[in-house]
């Protein structure tokens, strides 16, 4: 598919699956699919995002795809680099498709303005302290125009641009961007990827309002992301490192965003 060397060249398509990631993991349990093998579904009945959160997607409106990779050359301590690379790739694709400046909300959500249009879930297989595989699940809101109350800050490419998109063309752009950034990582161009991630990180270097999970507010500036993927915030108490569920973003037009 498209102008890729391997990503998406083997494509399993379904009308409905419980989860594209689960299907890809099942393929890996039974065989060794070619690197870049992708699983695509029009609908997921048990889709999920980071840390067990639910992923809401209207059937036939968006992209729900999982890609099998074998980053056996990547050190275990550098797992976060793969997440950065995939976030940058998805952001690249959205920006190219829409001509809008998409951003990455830490750790790896894709935003247009202050609205979420995409998310990534990476599940890794490890054995004896070595990589076996990685399944990169990407959910991208393409043509959906109405979202449930449980997703108050969601948007789509269609809503942001005022027109519908050909999902097949969006998928081609996504595969090309994923392959480009993955190969960049494989070539050892880690500094360039880290620079791109920070360049497009939502709110990077800006003073913003955050909240603790219990609702207490505080002002802080995002100054970096650690090699393990923790968000480093400069607070009134100094530099503090936060894991994903330890801090909540606040936006002016949405009360809470986790």
C-alpha atoms as a PDB file:
ATOM      1  CA  UNK A   1       0.000   0.000   0.000  1.00  0.00           C
ATOM      2  CA  UNK A   2       1.321   3.439  -0.910  1.00  0.00           C
ATOM      3  CA  UNK A   3       5.027   4.216  -1.158  1.00  0.00           C
ATOM      4  CA  UNK A   4       6.269   2.123   1.744  1.00  0.00           C
ATOM      5  CA  UNK A   5       8.877  -0.607   1.835  1.00  0.00           C
ATOM      6  CA  UNK A   6       7.150  -2.784   4.414  1.00  0.00           C
ATOM      7  CA  UNK A   7       4.602  -0.986   6.586  1.00  0.00           C
ATOM      8  CA  UNK A   8       1.109  -1.948   5.450  1.00  0.00           C
ATOM      9  CA  UNK A   9       2.301  -4.241   2.661  1.00  0.00           C
ATOM     10  CA  UNK A  10       0.505  -7.068   4.469  1.00  0.00           C
ATOM     11  CA  UNK A  11      -2.871  -5.751   5.557  1.00  0.00           C
ATOM     12  CA  UNK A  12      -5.581  -7.708   7.384  1.00  0.00           C
ATOM     13  CA  UNK A  13      -8.932  -5.883   7.133  1.00  0.00           C
ATOM     14  CA  UNK A  14     -12.120  -6.504   9.120  1.00  0.00           C
ATOM     15  CA  UNK A  15     -15.507  -4.916   9.530  1.00  0.00           C
ATOM     16  CA  UNK A  16     -15.474  -5.561  13.284  1.00  0.00           C
ATOM     17  CA  UNK A  17     -12.923  -6.781  15.821  1.00  0.00           C
ATOM     18  CA  UNK A  18     -12.832  -6.644  19.593  1.00  0.00           C
ATOM     19  CA  UNK A  19      -9.401  -5.001  19.288  1.00  0.00           C
ATOM     20  CA  UNK A  20      -6.900  -4.650  16.439  1.00  0.00           C
ATOM     21  CA  UNK A  21      -4.049  -4.830  18.952  1.00  0.00           C
ATOM     22  CA  UNK A  22      -5.384  -8.088  20.369  1.00  0.00           C
ATOM     23  CA  UNK A  23      -5.677  -9.561  16.871  1.00  0.00           C
ATOM     24  CA  UNK A  24      -2.093  -8.556  16.066  1.00  0.00           C
ATOM     25  CA  UNK A  25      -0.881 -10.098  19.326  1.00  0.00           C
ATOM     26  CA  UNK A  26      -2.742 -13.280  18.458  1.00  0.00           C
ATOM     27  CA  UNK A  27      -0.981 -13.382  15.083  1.00  0.00           C
ATOM     28  CA  UNK A  28       2.335 -13.065  16.872  1.00  0.00           C
ATOM     29  CA  UNK A  29       1.445 -15.876  19.265  1.00  0.00           C
ATOM     30  CA  UNK A  30       0.839 -18.219  16.326  1.00  0.00           C
ATOM     31  CA  UNK A  31       3.498 -17.150  13.813  1.00  0.00           C
ATOM     32  CA  UNK A  32       6.035 -14.498  12.847  1.00  0.00           C
ATOM     33  CA  UNK A  33       4.225 -12.074  10.544  1.00  0.00           C
ATOM     34  CA  UNK A  34       6.395  -9.889   8.289  1.00  0.00           C
ATOM     35  CA  UNK A  35       7.476  -6.647   9.865  1.00  0.00           C
ATOM     36  CA  UNK A  36       4.998  -3.913   9.014  1.00  0.00           C
ATOM     37  CA  UNK A  37       2.008  -6.256   8.950  1.00  0.00           C
ATOM     38  CA  UNK A  38      -1.073  -4.195   9.785  1.00  0.00           C
ATOM     39  CA  UNK A  39      -4.522  -5.007  11.142  1.00  0.00           C
ATOM     40  CA  UNK A  40      -7.359  -2.648  10.227  1.00  0.00           C
ATOM     41  CA  UNK A  41     -10.964  -2.654  11.472  1.00  0.00           C
ATOM     42  CA  UNK A  42     -13.938  -0.436  10.723  1.00  0.00           C
ATOM     43  CA  UNK A  43     -15.204  -1.004  14.237  1.00  0.00           C
ATOM     44  CA  UNK A  44     -13.844  -2.170  17.593  1.00  0.00           C
ATOM     45  CA  UNK A  45     -16.053  -3.536  20.336  1.00  0.00           C
ATOM     46  CA  UNK A  46     -13.341  -3.466  22.996  1.00  0.00           C
ATOM     47  CA  UNK A  47     -11.024  -0.716  21.825  1.00  0.00           C
ATOM     48  CA  UNK A  48      -8.845   0.870  24.460  1.00  0.00           C
ATOM     49  CA  UNK A  49      -6.306   3.604  24.888  1.00  0.00           C
ATOM     50  CA  UNK A  50      -3.466   4.164  27.262  1.00  0.00           C
ATOM     51  CA  UNK A  51      -3.682   2.651  30.751  1.00  0.00           C
ATOM     52  CA  UNK A  52      -6.933   0.813  30.097  1.00  0.00           C
ATOM     53  CA  UNK A  53      -8.969   3.861  29.098  1.00  0.00           C
ATOM     54  CA  UNK A  54     -11.732   3.250  26.580  1.00  0.00           C
ATOM     55  CA  UNK A  55     -11.386   4.412  22.973  1.00  0.00           C
ATOM     56  CA  UNK A  56     -14.635   5.759  21.471  1.00  0.00           C
ATOM     57  CA  UNK A  57     -14.997   5.446  17.692  1.00  0.00           C
ATOM     58  CA  UNK A  58     -18.061   5.491  15.461  1.00  0.00           C
ATOM     59  CA  UNK A  59     -18.134   2.431  13.140  1.00  0.00           C
ATOM     60  CA  UNK A  60     -16.828   3.125   9.655  1.00  0.00           C
ATOM     61  CA  UNK A  61     -15.859   6.730  10.370  1.00  0.00           C
ATOM     62  CA  UNK A  62     -12.279   6.583  11.614  1.00  0.00           C
ATOM     63  CA  UNK A  63      -9.004   4.651  11.414  1.00  0.00           C
ATOM     64  CA  UNK A  64      -8.355   1.824  13.852  1.00  0.00           C
ATOM     65  CA  UNK A  65      -5.103   0.130  12.936  1.00  0.00           C
ATOM     66  CA  UNK A  66      -2.332  -1.861  14.580  1.00  0.00           C
ATOM     67  CA  UNK A  67       1.139  -2.335  13.096  1.00  0.00           C
ATOM     68  CA  UNK A  68       3.578  -5.125  13.980  1.00  0.00           C
ATOM     69  CA  UNK A  69       7.224  -4.090  14.352  1.00  0.00           C
ATOM     70  CA  UNK A  70      10.385  -5.882  15.467  1.00  0.00           C
ATOM     71  CA  UNK A  71      12.647  -3.255  17.101  1.00  0.00           C
ATOM     72  CA  UNK A  72      15.052  -5.898  18.409  1.00  0.00           C
ATOM     73  CA  UNK A  73      17.942  -3.462  17.895  1.00  0.00           C
ATOM     74  CA  UNK A  74      16.492  -1.002  20.429  1.00  0.00           C
ATOM     75  CA  UNK A  75      17.712  -1.185  24.016  1.00  0.00           C
ATOM     76  CA  UNK A  76      15.063  -1.932  26.611  1.00  0.00           C
ATOM     77  CA  UNK A  77      15.976   1.271  28.417  1.00  0.00           C
ATOM     78  CA  UNK A  78      15.068   3.148  25.231  1.00  0.00           C
ATOM     79  CA  UNK A  79      11.490   1.913  24.927  1.00  0.00           C
ATOM     80  CA  UNK A  80      10.246   5.481  25.215  1.00  0.00           C
ATOM     81  CA  UNK A  81      11.991   6.376  21.948  1.00  0.00           C
ATOM     82  CA  UNK A  82       9.619   4.115  20.045  1.00  0.00           C
ATOM     83  CA  UNK A  83       6.649   5.898  21.609  1.00  0.00           C
ATOM     84  CA  UNK A  84       8.139   9.261  20.659  1.00  0.00           C
ATOM     85  CA  UNK A  85       8.780   8.102  17.096  1.00  0.00           C
ATOM     86  CA  UNK A  86       5.216   6.832  16.640  1.00  0.00           C
ATOM     87  CA  UNK A  87       3.738  10.015  18.115  1.00  0.00           C
ATOM     88  CA  UNK A  88       5.818  12.169  15.779  1.00  0.00           C
ATOM     89  CA  UNK A  89       4.859   9.973  12.824  1.00  0.00           C
ATOM     90  CA  UNK A  90       1.138  10.213  13.544  1.00  0.00           C
ATOM     91  CA  UNK A  91       1.453  13.943  14.046  1.00  0.00           C
ATOM     92  CA  UNK A  92       3.343  14.196  10.710  1.00  0.00           C
ATOM     93  CA  UNK A  93       0.550  12.364   8.901  1.00  0.00           C
ATOM     94  CA  UNK A  94      -2.225  14.486  10.397  1.00  0.00           C
ATOM     95  CA  UNK A  95      -0.390  17.705   9.563  1.00  0.00           C
ATOM     96  CA  UNK A  96       0.284  16.600   5.987  1.00  0.00           C
ATOM     97  CA  UNK A  97      -3.311  15.502   5.425  1.00  0.00           C
ATOM     98  CA  UNK A  98      -5.005  18.545   6.940  1.00  0.00           C
ATOM     99  CA  UNK A  99      -2.414  21.298   6.357  1.00  0.00           C
ATOM    100  CA  UNK A 100      -3.069  22.202   9.999  1.00  0.00           C
ATOM    101  CA  UNK A 101      -0.424  22.286  12.696  1.00  0.00           C
ATOM    102  CA  UNK A 102      -1.141  19.212  14.789  1.00  0.00           C
ATOM    103  CA  UNK A 103       0.495  18.805  18.182  1.00  0.00           C
ATOM    104  CA  UNK A 104       1.485  15.955  20.466  1.00  0.00           C
ATOM    105  CA  UNK A 105      -0.029  15.996  23.924  1.00  0.00           C
ATOM    106  CA  UNK A 106       2.199  14.091  26.303  1.00  0.00           C
ATOM    107  CA  UNK A 107       2.653  11.230  26.224  1.00  0.00           C
ATOM    108  CA  UNK A 108       1.396  10.359  22.719  1.00  0.00           C
ATOM    109  CA  UNK A 109      -2.034  11.797  21.938  1.00  0.00           C
ATOM    110  CA  UNK A 110      -2.516  13.842  18.774  1.00  0.00           C
ATOM    111  CA  UNK A 111      -4.285  17.183  19.086  1.00  0.00           C
ATOM    112  CA  UNK A 112      -5.714  19.796  16.762  1.00  0.00           C
ATOM    113  CA  UNK A 113      -5.943  22.995  18.784  1.00  0.00           C
ATOM    114  CA  UNK A 114      -7.134  21.806  22.217  1.00  0.00           C
ATOM    115  CA  UNK A 115      -9.031  18.785  20.935  1.00  0.00           C
ATOM    116  CA  UNK A 116      -7.897  15.171  20.740  1.00  0.00           C
ATOM    117  CA  UNK A 117      -7.999  13.569  17.314  1.00  0.00           C
ATOM    118  CA  UNK A 118      -5.748  10.558  17.818  1.00  0.00           C
ATOM    119  CA  UNK A 119      -4.165   8.234  20.327  1.00  0.00           C
ATOM    120  CA  UNK A 120      -1.526   5.510  20.389  1.00  0.00           C
ATOM    121  CA  UNK A 121      -1.261   2.292  22.388  1.00  0.00           C
ATOM    122  CA  UNK A 122       2.003   0.344  22.106  1.00  0.00           C
ATOM    123  CA  UNK A 123       2.212  -3.171  23.512  1.00  0.00           C
ATOM    124  CA  UNK A 124       5.652  -4.728  23.648  1.00  0.00           C
ATOM    125  CA  UNK A 125       6.736  -8.352  23.809  1.00  0.00           C
ATOM    126  CA  UNK A 126       9.892  -8.982  25.817  1.00  0.00           C
ATOM    127  CA  UNK A 127      11.826 -12.158  26.569  1.00  0.00           C
ATOM    128  CA  UNK A 128      14.894 -12.482  28.778  1.00  0.00           C
ATOM    129  CA  UNK A 129      15.484  -8.727  28.791  1.00  0.00           C
ATOM    130  CA  UNK A 130      15.274  -8.537  24.990  1.00  0.00           C
ATOM    131  CA  UNK A 131      12.702  -7.174  22.559  1.00  0.00           C
ATOM    132  CA  UNK A 132      10.576  -9.678  20.693  1.00  0.00           C
ATOM    133  CA  UNK A 133       8.043  -7.381  19.048  1.00  0.00           C
ATOM    134  CA  UNK A 134       5.978  -4.241  19.357  1.00  0.00           C
ATOM    135  CA  UNK A 135       2.356  -3.768  18.336  1.00  0.00           C
ATOM    136  CA  UNK A 136       1.619  -0.110  17.615  1.00  0.00           C
ATOM    137  CA  UNK A 137      -2.084   0.605  17.845  1.00  0.00           C
ATOM    138  CA  UNK A 138      -3.229   3.925  16.385  1.00  0.00           C
ATOM    139  CA  UNK A 139      -6.715   5.358  16.627  1.00  0.00           C
ATOM    140  CA  UNK A 140      -7.348   8.406  14.470  1.00  0.00           C
ATOM    141  CA  UNK A 141     -10.654  10.271  14.323  1.00  0.00           C
ATOM    142  CA  UNK A 142     -11.185  10.973  10.635  1.00  0.00           C
ATOM    143  CA  UNK A 143     -14.826  11.605   9.697  1.00  0.00           C
ATOM    144  CA  UNK A 144     -16.683  11.287  12.994  1.00  0.00           C
ATOM    145  CA  UNK A 145     -18.656  14.440  13.790  1.00  0.00           C
ATOM    146  CA  UNK A 146     -20.447  13.540  17.016  1.00  0.00           C
ATOM    147  CA  UNK A 147     -18.808  12.216  20.162  1.00  0.00           C
ATOM    148  CA  UNK A 148     -20.237  10.882  23.433  1.00  0.00           C
ATOM    149  CA  UNK A 149     -20.193  12.923  26.619  1.00  0.00           C
ATOM    150  CA  UNK A 150     -17.435  10.639  27.893  1.00  0.00           C
ATOM    151  CA  UNK A 151     -15.122  12.217  25.293  1.00  0.00           C
ATOM    152  CA  UNK A 152     -15.735  15.955  25.848  1.00  0.00           C
ATOM    153  CA  UNK A 153     -12.541  17.173  24.168  1.00  0.00           C
ATOM    154  CA  UNK A 154     -12.587  14.947  21.074  1.00  0.00           C
ATOM    155  CA  UNK A 155     -12.446  16.177  17.514  1.00  0.00           C
ATOM    156  CA  UNK A 156     -11.759  14.720  14.071  1.00  0.00           C
ATOM    157  CA  UNK A 157     -10.061  15.707  10.858  1.00  0.00           C
ATOM    158  CA  UNK A 158     -13.502  16.377   9.362  1.00  0.00           C
ATOM    159  CA  UNK A 159     -14.567  18.674  12.193  1.00  0.00           C
ATOM    160  CA  UNK A 160     -11.269  20.544  12.147  1.00  0.00           C
ATOM    161  CA  UNK A 161     -11.272  21.035   8.370  1.00  0.00           C
ATOM    162  CA  UNK A 162     -14.990  21.211   7.589  1.00  0.00           C
ATOM    163  CA  UNK A 163     -14.886  18.382   5.055  1.00  0.00           C
ATOM    164  CA  UNK A 164     -14.755  14.606   4.882  1.00  0.00           C
ATOM    165  CA  UNK A 165     -11.631  12.585   4.079  1.00  0.00           C
ATOM    166  CA  UNK A 166     -10.914   9.429   2.129  1.00  0.00           C
ATOM    167  CA  UNK A 167      -9.873   7.034   4.884  1.00  0.00           C
ATOM    168  CA  UNK A 168      -7.777   4.933   2.495  1.00  0.00           C
ATOM    169  CA  UNK A 169      -5.693   7.980   1.586  1.00  0.00           C
ATOM    170  CA  UNK A 170      -5.317   8.906   5.246  1.00  0.00           C
ATOM    171  CA  UNK A 171      -4.131   5.365   5.952  1.00  0.00           C
ATOM    172  CA  UNK A 172      -1.519   5.595   3.183  1.00  0.00           C
ATOM    173  CA  UNK A 173      -0.142   8.813   4.651  1.00  0.00           C
ATOM    174  CA  UNK A 174      -0.065   7.233   8.091  1.00  0.00           C
ATOM    175  CA  UNK A 175       1.802   4.128   6.915  1.00  0.00           C
ATOM    176  CA  UNK A 176       4.354   6.271   5.089  1.00  0.00           C
ATOM    177  CA  UNK A 177       4.946   8.491   8.130  1.00  0.00           C
ATOM    178  CA  UNK A 178       5.243   5.526  10.502  1.00  0.00           C
ATOM    179  CA  UNK A 179       7.800   3.843   8.265  1.00  0.00           C
ATOM    180  CA  UNK A 180       9.811   7.039   7.828  1.00  0.00           C
ATOM    181  CA  UNK A 181      10.097   7.725  11.549  1.00  0.00           C
ATOM    182  CA  UNK A 182      10.680   4.062  12.419  1.00  0.00           C
ATOM    183  CA  UNK A 183      13.565   3.866   9.943  1.00  0.00           C
ATOM    184  CA  UNK A 184      14.918   7.106  11.340  1.00  0.00           C
ATOM    185  CA  UNK A 185      14.970   5.500  14.784  1.00  0.00           C
ATOM    186  CA  UNK A 186      16.546   2.321  13.420  1.00  0.00           C
ATOM    187  CA  UNK A 187      19.336   4.381  11.824  1.00  0.00           C
ATOM    188  CA  UNK A 188      20.147   5.791  15.261  1.00  0.00           C
ATOM    189  CA  UNK A 189      18.882   9.304  14.587  1.00  0.00           C
ATOM    190  CA  UNK A 190      17.571   9.544  18.130  1.00  0.00           C
ATOM    191  CA  UNK A 191      18.467  13.175  18.716  1.00  0.00           C
ATOM    192  CA  UNK A 192      16.475  14.259  15.659  1.00  0.00           C
ATOM    193  CA  UNK A 193      13.429  12.315  16.861  1.00  0.00           C
ATOM    194  CA  UNK A 194      13.658  13.729  20.366  1.00  0.00           C
ATOM    195  CA  UNK A 195      13.960  17.230  18.893  1.00  0.00           C
ATOM    196  CA  UNK A 196      10.906  16.700  16.687  1.00  0.00           C
ATOM    197  CA  UNK A 197       8.885  15.352  19.620  1.00  0.00           C
ATOM    198  CA  UNK A 198       9.680  18.379  21.784  1.00  0.00           C
ATOM    199  CA  UNK A 199       9.184  20.818  18.924  1.00  0.00           C
ATOM    200  CA  UNK A 200       5.599  19.638  18.504  1.00  0.00           C
ATOM    201  CA  UNK A 201       4.804  18.917  22.162  1.00  0.00           C
ATOM    202  CA  UNK A 202       1.651  20.750  23.209  1.00  0.00           C
ATOM    203  CA  UNK A 203       2.428  23.490  25.727  1.00  0.00           C
ATOM    204  CA  UNK A 204       6.152  22.819  25.776  1.00  0.00           C
ATOM    205  CA  UNK A 205       7.959  25.698  27.510  1.00  0.00           C
ATOM    206  CA  UNK A 206       4.670  27.430  28.359  1.00  0.00           C
ATOM    207  CA  UNK A 207       3.281  28.218  31.793  1.00  0.00           C
ATOM    208  CA  UNK A 208       0.028  26.254  32.116  1.00  0.00           C
ATOM    209  CA  UNK A 209      -2.525  25.087  34.641  1.00  0.00           C
ATOM    210  CA  UNK A 210      -2.360  21.447  35.699  1.00  0.00           C
ATOM    211  CA  UNK A 211      -4.215  19.431  38.291  1.00  0.00           C
ATOM    212  CA  UNK A 212      -3.413  16.566  40.572  1.00  0.00           C
ATOM    213  CA  UNK A 213      -5.756  13.580  40.251  1.00  0.00           C
ATOM    214  CA  UNK A 214      -7.631  14.810  43.370  1.00  0.00           C
ATOM    215  CA  UNK A 215      -8.470  18.092  41.601  1.00  0.00           C
ATOM    216  CA  UNK A 216      -5.955  20.426  43.252  1.00  0.00           C
ATOM    217  CA  UNK A 217      -4.658  22.942  40.723  1.00  0.00           C
ATOM    218  CA  UNK A 218      -1.114  24.151  40.231  1.00  0.00           C
ATOM    219  CA  UNK A 219       0.843  26.218  37.734  1.00  0.00           C
ATOM    220  CA  UNK A 220       3.853  24.689  36.009  1.00  0.00           C
ATOM    221  CA  UNK A 221       5.967  24.754  32.865  1.00  0.00           C
ATOM    222  CA  UNK A 222       6.714  21.638  30.849  1.00  0.00           C
ATOM    223  CA  UNK A 223      10.480  21.760  30.370  1.00  0.00           C
ATOM    224  CA  UNK A 224      11.344  18.242  29.219  1.00  0.00           C
ATOM    225  CA  UNK A 225      10.425  14.569  29.032  1.00  0.00           C
ATOM    226  CA  UNK A 226      12.695  12.063  30.741  1.00  0.00           C
ATOM    227  CA  UNK A 227      14.293   9.108  28.896  1.00  0.00           C
ATOM    228  CA  UNK A 228      11.641   6.936  30.585  1.00  0.00           C
ATOM    229  CA  UNK A 229       8.831   9.141  29.268  1.00  0.00           C
ATOM    230  CA  UNK A 230       7.997  11.050  32.451  1.00  0.00           C
ATOM    231  CA  UNK A 231       6.843  14.659  32.043  1.00  0.00           C
ATOM    232  CA  UNK A 232       9.200  17.098  33.759  1.00  0.00           C
ATOM    233  CA  UNK A 233       7.375  20.141  35.112  1.00  0.00           C
ATOM    234  CA  UNK A 234       8.981  23.192  36.661  1.00  0.00           C
ATOM    235  CA  UNK A 235       6.702  23.961  39.623  1.00  0.00           C
ATOM    236  CA  UNK A 236       6.846  26.318  42.578  1.00  0.00           C
ATOM    237  CA  UNK A 237       8.508  23.451  44.431  1.00  0.00           C
ATOM    238  CA  UNK A 238      11.136  22.900  41.769  1.00  0.00           C
ATOM    239  CA  UNK A 239      11.448  20.325  39.028  1.00  0.00           C
ATOM    240  CA  UNK A 240       9.010  17.410  39.425  1.00  0.00           C
ATOM    241  CA  UNK A 241       8.717  14.297  37.250  1.00  0.00           C
ATOM    242  CA  UNK A 242       5.175  12.996  36.622  1.00  0.00           C
ATOM    243  CA  UNK A 243       3.951   9.654  35.319  1.00  0.00           C
ATOM    244  CA  UNK A 244       0.865   9.493  33.088  1.00  0.00           C
ATOM    245  CA  UNK A 245      -1.810   9.205  35.770  1.00  0.00           C
ATOM    246  CA  UNK A 246      -0.139  11.588  38.209  1.00  0.00           C
ATOM    247  CA  UNK A 247      -1.044  14.823  36.432  1.00  0.00           C
ATOM    248  CA  UNK A 248      -4.108  16.176  34.619  1.00  0.00           C
ATOM    249  CA  UNK A 249      -4.014  18.804  31.895  1.00  0.00           C
ATOM    250  CA  UNK A 250      -6.412  21.739  32.012  1.00  0.00           C
ATOM    251  CA  UNK A 251      -7.687  23.570  28.952  1.00  0.00           C
ATOM    252  CA  UNK A 252      -9.774  26.736  28.892  1.00  0.00           C
ATOM    253  CA  UNK A 253     -12.716  25.230  27.035  1.00  0.00           C
ATOM    254  CA  UNK A 254     -12.649  21.739  28.583  1.00  0.00           C
ATOM    255  CA  UNK A 255     -12.808  21.297  32.371  1.00  0.00           C
ATOM    256  CA  UNK A 256     -10.452  18.335  32.553  1.00  0.00           C
ATOM    257  CA  UNK A 257      -8.349  16.315  30.194  1.00  0.00           C
ATOM    258  CA  UNK A 258      -6.509  13.235  31.305  1.00  0.00           C
END
